[in-house]
Amino acid sequence: MAFNKKNALNRARFIKVDAKADVYQFSDALLKGTPLILNFEKTDAEAANHFIVFLSGIVYAIDGMVEMLSEKIFVFASKKDLKDKALRGFIQDNKEVD
């Protein structure tokens, strides 16, 4: 795949969420058009749920969606970004759940 700064996958941030993570920084990134791929494997369930619920509201506000790759890995992005071939291919290649 050729490098293209404008495709959604190249703009996406891949983040392992931990106790130091700031949901407001993630919200700002989404509002600026940056897709997020968040890994909650090292996050306790209550904190992970807080992030997912809060960011789901942001995603709704930007007319986006949340895609679940696995039990603890989620993609948060606008619908436009989720239609991007590079990001869609990444999701299809890495999705463990239906």
C-alpha atoms as a PDB file:
ATOM      1  CA  MET A   1       0.000   0.000   0.000  1.00  0.00           C
ATOM      2  CA  ALA A   2       1.392   3.376  -0.987  1.00  0.00           C
ATOM      3  CA  PHE A   3       1.873   5.915   1.774  1.00  0.00           C
ATOM      4  CA  ASN A   4      -0.894   8.495   1.676  1.00  0.00           C
ATOM      5  CA  LYS A   5      -1.171  10.961   4.561  1.00  0.00           C
ATOM      6  CA  LYS A   6      -4.789  11.563   3.739  1.00  0.00           C
ATOM      7  CA  ASN A   7      -6.041   8.000   4.102  1.00  0.00           C
ATOM      8  CA  ALA A   8      -7.746   7.278   7.408  1.00  0.00           C
ATOM      9  CA  LEU A   9      -5.416   4.447   8.414  1.00  0.00           C
ATOM     10  CA  ASN A  10      -2.335   6.670   8.107  1.00  0.00           C
ATOM     11  CA  ARG A  11      -4.042   9.361  10.188  1.00  0.00           C
ATOM     12  CA  ALA A  12      -5.219   6.907  12.852  1.00  0.00           C
ATOM     13  CA  ARG A  13      -3.657   6.776  16.311  1.00  0.00           C
ATOM     14  CA  PHE A  14      -3.040   3.341  17.813  1.00  0.00           C
ATOM     15  CA  ILE A  15      -3.133   3.624  21.603  1.00  0.00           C
ATOM     16  CA  LYS A  16      -2.767   1.169  24.476  1.00  0.00           C
ATOM     17  CA  VAL A  17      -4.997   2.756  27.088  1.00  0.00           C
ATOM     18  CA  ASP A  18      -3.587   2.745  30.626  1.00  0.00           C
ATOM     19  CA  ALA A  19      -4.261   4.492  33.929  1.00  0.00           C
ATOM     20  CA  LYS A  20      -2.557   7.684  32.669  1.00  0.00           C
ATOM     21  CA  ALA A  21      -4.772   7.984  29.574  1.00  0.00           C
ATOM     22  CA  ASP A  22      -6.871  11.132  29.214  1.00  0.00           C
ATOM     23  CA  VAL A  23     -10.306  10.643  27.658  1.00  0.00           C
ATOM     24  CA  TYR A  24     -10.441  14.369  26.845  1.00  0.00           C
ATOM     25  CA  GLN A  25      -7.288  14.143  24.694  1.00  0.00           C
ATOM     26  CA  PHE A  26      -8.888  11.263  22.810  1.00  0.00           C
ATOM     27  CA  SER A  27     -12.059  13.343  22.395  1.00  0.00           C
ATOM     28  CA  ASP A  28     -10.058  16.258  20.994  1.00  0.00           C
ATOM     29  CA  ALA A  29      -8.359  13.939  18.510  1.00  0.00           C
ATOM     30  CA  LEU A  30     -11.710  12.595  17.302  1.00  0.00           C
ATOM     31  CA  LEU A  31     -13.124  16.103  16.980  1.00  0.00           C
ATOM     32  CA  LYS A  32     -10.091  17.055  14.851  1.00  0.00           C
ATOM     33  CA  GLY A  33     -10.764  14.110  12.509  1.00  0.00           C
ATOM     34  CA  THR A  34      -8.253  11.587  13.808  1.00  0.00           C
ATOM     35  CA  PRO A  35      -9.517   7.989  13.896  1.00  0.00           C
ATOM     36  CA  LEU A  36      -8.593   6.138  17.098  1.00  0.00           C
ATOM     37  CA  ILE A  37      -7.787   2.472  17.547  1.00  0.00           C
ATOM     38  CA  LEU A  38      -7.815   1.885  21.286  1.00  0.00           C
ATOM     39  CA  ASN A  39      -6.544  -1.205  23.070  1.00  0.00           C
ATOM     40  CA  PHE A  40      -8.087  -1.666  26.526  1.00  0.00           C
ATOM     41  CA  GLU A  41      -6.251  -4.914  27.412  1.00  0.00           C
ATOM     42  CA  LYS A  42      -4.337  -3.232  30.264  1.00  0.00           C
ATOM     43  CA  THR A  43      -7.335  -1.229  31.507  1.00  0.00           C
ATOM     44  CA  ASP A  44      -9.727  -2.349  34.222  1.00  0.00           C
ATOM     45  CA  ALA A  45     -13.304  -2.955  33.071  1.00  0.00           C
ATOM     46  CA  GLU A  46     -14.829   0.057  34.830  1.00  0.00           C
ATOM     47  CA  ALA A  47     -12.324   2.517  33.338  1.00  0.00           C
ATOM     48  CA  ALA A  48     -12.636   0.913  29.892  1.00  0.00           C
ATOM     49  CA  ASN A  49     -16.420   1.233  30.039  1.00  0.00           C
ATOM     50  CA  HIS A  50     -16.086   4.908  31.030  1.00  0.00           C
ATOM     51  CA  PHE A  51     -13.861   5.576  28.004  1.00  0.00           C
ATOM     52  CA  ILE A  52     -16.105   3.665  25.610  1.00  0.00           C
ATOM     53  CA  VAL A  53     -19.307   5.368  26.777  1.00  0.00           C
ATOM     54  CA  PHE A  54     -17.765   8.856  26.736  1.00  0.00           C
ATOM     55  CA  LEU A  55     -16.103   8.407  23.348  1.00  0.00           C
ATOM     56  CA  SER A  56     -19.286   6.876  21.911  1.00  0.00           C
ATOM     57  CA  GLY A  57     -20.973  10.213  22.638  1.00  0.00           C
ATOM     58  CA  ILE A  58     -18.211  12.060  20.807  1.00  0.00           C
ATOM     59  CA  VAL A  59     -18.467   9.643  17.888  1.00  0.00           C
ATOM     60  CA  TYR A  60     -22.220  10.260  17.739  1.00  0.00           C
ATOM     61  CA  ALA A  61     -21.596  14.008  17.640  1.00  0.00           C
ATOM     62  CA  ILE A  62     -19.239  13.674  14.652  1.00  0.00           C
ATOM     63  CA  ASP A  63     -21.605  11.283  12.828  1.00  0.00           C
ATOM     64  CA  GLY A  64     -19.294   8.367  13.369  1.00  0.00           C
ATOM     65  CA  MET A  65     -19.344   4.804  14.563  1.00  0.00           C
ATOM     66  CA  VAL A  66     -17.519   2.448  16.870  1.00  0.00           C
ATOM     67  CA  GLU A  67     -16.159  -0.818  15.452  1.00  0.00           C
ATOM     68  CA  MET A  68     -15.185  -3.641  17.784  1.00  0.00           C
ATOM     69  CA  LEU A  69     -12.086  -5.507  16.591  1.00  0.00           C
ATOM     70  CA  SER A  70     -11.903  -7.780  19.620  1.00  0.00           C
ATOM     71  CA  GLU A  71     -13.260  -7.866  23.144  1.00  0.00           C
ATOM     72  CA  LYS A  72     -10.850  -5.120  24.211  1.00  0.00           C
ATOM     73  CA  ILE A  73      -9.848  -3.329  20.998  1.00  0.00           C
ATOM     74  CA  PHE A  74     -12.107  -0.706  19.393  1.00  0.00           C
ATOM     75  CA  VAL A  75     -11.992   1.687  16.446  1.00  0.00           C
ATOM     76  CA  PHE A  76     -13.615   5.112  16.920  1.00  0.00           C
ATOM     77  CA  ALA A  77     -13.984   7.127  13.719  1.00  0.00           C
ATOM     78  CA  SER A  78     -16.275   9.179  11.518  1.00  0.00           C
ATOM     79  CA  LYS A  79     -18.426   7.282   9.019  1.00  0.00           C
ATOM     80  CA  LYS A  80     -16.399   8.876   6.229  1.00  0.00           C
ATOM     81  CA  ASP A  81     -13.156   7.500   7.679  1.00  0.00           C
ATOM     82  CA  LEU A  82     -14.721   4.077   8.187  1.00  0.00           C
ATOM     83  CA  LYS A  83     -15.508   3.988   4.459  1.00  0.00           C
ATOM     84  CA  ASP A  84     -11.845   4.670   3.623  1.00  0.00           C
ATOM     85  CA  LYS A  85     -10.404   1.604   1.856  1.00  0.00           C
ATOM     86  CA  ALA A  86      -7.231   1.465   3.947  1.00  0.00           C
ATOM     87  CA  LEU A  87      -9.011   1.676   7.314  1.00  0.00           C
ATOM     88  CA  ARG A  88     -11.819  -0.659   6.182  1.00  0.00           C
ATOM     89  CA  GLY A  89      -9.202  -3.199   5.044  1.00  0.00           C
ATOM     90  CA  PHE A  90      -7.401  -2.944   8.387  1.00  0.00           C
ATOM     91  CA  ILE A  91     -10.671  -3.533  10.250  1.00  0.00           C
ATOM     92  CA  GLN A  92     -11.612  -6.525   8.094  1.00  0.00           C
ATOM     93  CA  ASP A  93      -8.135  -8.050   8.444  1.00  0.00           C
ATOM     94  CA  ASN A  94      -8.049  -7.637  12.241  1.00  0.00           C
ATOM     95  CA  LYS A  95     -11.647  -8.135  13.334  1.00  0.00           C
ATOM     96  CA  GLU A  96     -12.042 -11.090  15.693  1.00  0.00           C
ATOM     97  CA  VAL A  97     -15.738 -10.631  16.444  1.00  0.00           C
ATOM     98  CA  ASP A  98     -18.878 -10.207  14.345  1.00  0.00           C
END
